[in-house]
Amino acid sequence: MTRPRGLALAIALLAMVGAGISVVSLVSHYDSSPSEYCDFDETFNCDLVNRSVYSSFLGVPVALIGLVGYALLLGLSLACSRIASALLLAGALAGLAFALYLTYIEAFILAVWCILCLGSLAVISAITVLAALRLRQGAALQAAS
């Protein structure tokens, strides 16, 4: 399959942005001092979210799960096979589902928002759309061959 380079590059760049957000969130998770970049009021406070009981999943910090996930998506975005494109979309959908679950926690349980988490949600949403387009484009290229 010919790799749709524009989509691969866009996905790779978004995955790097997502990894960067995850690193900042991971540092915040373990830091005990208040962050200055995301402590606006009771409604927007990354520290409350990143240090809540929901900031770990099965004992693993959610930010670390995000970092690993974005690294995997980055690797898959650079691979040029139909199976890699399918795995990329599957991984992006799993990441989006997890991000939506965490957003639900923010909205309805914690009642506080984290701009880093919302940024990650935007990134994984964009990756999911681009991954679907890439898989579709790859199928169209293969059918035309």
Protein backbone atom coordinates (compact mmCIF):
# COMPACT_ATOMS: atom_id res chain seq x y z
CA MET A 1 0.00 0.00 0.00
CA THR A 2 1.29 3.47 -0.81
CA ARG A 3 1.49 5.47 2.38
CA PRO A 4 -0.66 8.60 2.42
CA ARG A 5 2.23 10.81 3.54
CA GLY A 6 0.26 13.89 4.52
CA LEU A 7 -1.99 11.92 6.85
CA ALA A 8 0.93 9.93 8.26
CA LEU A 9 2.82 13.13 9.02
CA ALA A 10 -0.20 14.82 10.58
CA ILE A 11 -0.91 11.78 12.77
CA ALA A 12 2.76 11.52 13.77
CA LEU A 13 2.87 15.20 14.76
CA LEU A 14 -0.37 14.91 16.74
CA ALA A 15 0.96 11.80 18.50
CA MET A 16 4.07 13.75 19.52
CA VAL A 17 1.86 16.58 20.86
CA GLY A 18 -0.20 14.01 22.77
CA ALA A 19 2.96 12.45 24.18
CA GLY A 20 4.12 15.89 25.30
CA ILE A 21 0.81 16.53 27.05
CA SER A 22 1.08 13.12 28.71
CA VAL A 23 4.59 13.88 29.99
CA VAL A 24 3.44 17.17 31.53
CA SER A 25 0.46 15.37 33.09
CA LEU A 26 2.71 12.61 34.43
CA VAL A 27 5.01 15.15 36.07
CA SER A 28 1.95 16.86 37.58
CA HIS A 29 0.67 13.50 38.82
CA TYR A 30 3.79 12.97 40.95
CA ASP A 31 4.50 16.60 41.86
CA SER A 32 3.19 17.76 45.21
CA SER A 33 3.42 21.49 44.56
CA PRO A 34 0.59 23.33 42.79
CA SER A 35 0.99 23.92 39.07
CA GLU A 36 0.77 27.50 37.90
CA TYR A 37 -0.36 26.71 34.35
CA CYS A 38 -3.64 25.02 35.22
CA ASP A 39 -4.90 26.10 38.60
CA PHE A 40 -7.50 28.70 37.68
CA ASP A 41 -10.34 28.03 40.13
CA GLU A 42 -12.55 25.20 41.41
CA THR A 43 -13.76 24.56 37.85
CA PHE A 44 -10.39 24.33 36.05
CA ASN A 45 -7.67 22.66 38.06
CA CYS A 46 -5.37 20.02 36.57
CA ASP A 47 -3.85 19.25 39.96
CA LEU A 48 -7.20 18.09 41.38
CA VAL A 49 -7.73 15.83 38.37
CA ASN A 50 -4.13 14.55 38.03
CA ARG A 51 -3.91 13.67 41.71
CA SER A 52 -7.40 12.26 42.21
CA VAL A 53 -8.16 8.59 42.79
CA TYR A 54 -9.13 8.48 39.10
CA SER A 55 -5.66 9.52 37.92
CA SER A 56 -4.50 5.88 38.01
CA PHE A 57 -5.96 2.85 36.30
CA LEU A 58 -5.10 -0.51 37.84
CA GLY A 59 -2.26 1.21 39.69
CA VAL A 60 -0.76 2.77 36.55
CA PRO A 61 -0.94 6.56 36.14
CA VAL A 62 -3.37 7.48 33.36
CA ALA A 63 -0.77 9.90 31.99
CA LEU A 64 1.70 7.02 31.59
CA ILE A 65 -0.94 4.99 29.76
CA GLY A 66 -1.43 8.01 27.49
CA LEU A 67 2.29 8.35 26.88
CA VAL A 68 2.64 4.69 25.90
CA GLY A 69 -0.50 4.90 23.76
CA TYR A 70 0.70 7.96 21.88
CA ALA A 71 4.11 6.32 21.32
CA LEU A 72 2.38 3.27 19.82
CA LEU A 73 0.21 5.48 17.62
CA LEU A 74 3.32 7.34 16.48
CA GLY A 75 4.99 4.08 15.49
CA LEU A 76 1.90 2.83 13.67
CA SER A 77 1.52 6.14 11.84
CA LEU A 78 4.98 5.66 10.34
CA ALA A 79 4.31 2.10 9.15
CA CYS A 80 3.02 1.79 5.60
CA SER A 81 0.84 -1.29 5.49
CA ARG A 82 -2.89 -1.80 5.47
CA ILE A 83 -2.67 -3.76 8.72
CA ALA A 84 -0.74 -0.91 10.36
CA SER A 85 -3.46 1.50 9.26
CA ALA A 86 -6.15 -0.79 10.68
CA LEU A 87 -4.24 -1.16 13.96
CA LEU A 88 -3.73 2.62 14.06
CA LEU A 89 -7.47 3.19 13.79
CA ALA A 90 -8.21 0.49 16.40
CA GLY A 91 -5.67 2.02 18.78
CA ALA A 92 -7.00 5.51 18.20
CA LEU A 93 -10.57 4.35 18.85
CA ALA A 94 -9.48 2.66 22.09
CA GLY A 95 -7.65 5.84 23.13
CA LEU A 96 -10.68 7.96 22.27
CA ALA A 97 -12.98 5.69 24.28
CA PHE A 98 -10.66 5.91 27.28
CA ALA A 99 -10.38 9.70 26.93
CA LEU A 100 -14.18 10.01 26.77
CA TYR A 101 -14.47 7.87 29.92
CA LEU A 102 -12.00 10.17 31.69
CA THR A 103 -13.89 13.23 30.45
CA TYR A 104 -17.06 11.73 31.93
CA ILE A 105 -15.21 11.38 35.25
CA GLU A 106 -14.17 15.04 35.08
CA ALA A 107 -17.65 16.28 34.21
CA PHE A 108 -19.90 14.16 36.40
CA ILE A 109 -17.83 12.81 39.27
CA LEU A 110 -15.01 15.26 39.98
CA ALA A 111 -16.87 18.31 38.60
CA VAL A 112 -13.53 19.88 37.67
CA TRP A 113 -11.79 20.21 34.31
CA CYS A 114 -8.16 19.71 33.38
CA ILE A 115 -6.97 21.65 30.33
CA LEU A 116 -4.27 19.05 29.72
CA CYS A 117 -6.89 16.31 29.67
CA LEU A 118 -9.11 18.31 27.34
CA GLY A 119 -6.10 18.95 25.11
CA SER A 120 -5.37 15.24 25.01
CA LEU A 121 -9.03 14.56 24.17
CA ALA A 122 -8.78 16.98 21.24
CA VAL A 123 -5.55 15.33 20.04
CA ILE A 124 -6.87 11.76 20.20
CA SER A 125 -10.10 12.88 18.52
CA ALA A 126 -8.13 14.37 15.63
CA ILE A 127 -5.90 11.28 15.39
CA THR A 128 -9.00 9.06 15.23
CA VAL A 129 -10.51 11.05 12.36
CA LEU A 130 -7.21 11.12 10.46
CA ALA A 131 -6.63 7.40 11.06
CA ALA A 132 -10.05 6.62 9.62
CA LEU A 133 -9.29 8.80 6.60
CA ARG A 134 -5.92 7.10 6.18
CA LEU A 135 -7.45 3.63 6.25
CA ARG A 136 -10.13 4.71 3.77
CA GLN A 137 -7.58 6.39 1.51
CA GLY A 138 -5.36 3.30 1.63
CA ALA A 139 -8.30 1.07 0.68
CA ALA A 140 -9.13 3.38 -2.24
CA LEU A 141 -5.52 3.32 -3.42
CA GLN A 142 -5.42 -0.45 -3.18
CA ALA A 143 -8.68 -0.79 -5.11
CA ALA A 144 -7.35 1.51 -7.84
CA SER A 145 -4.20 -0.62 -8.25
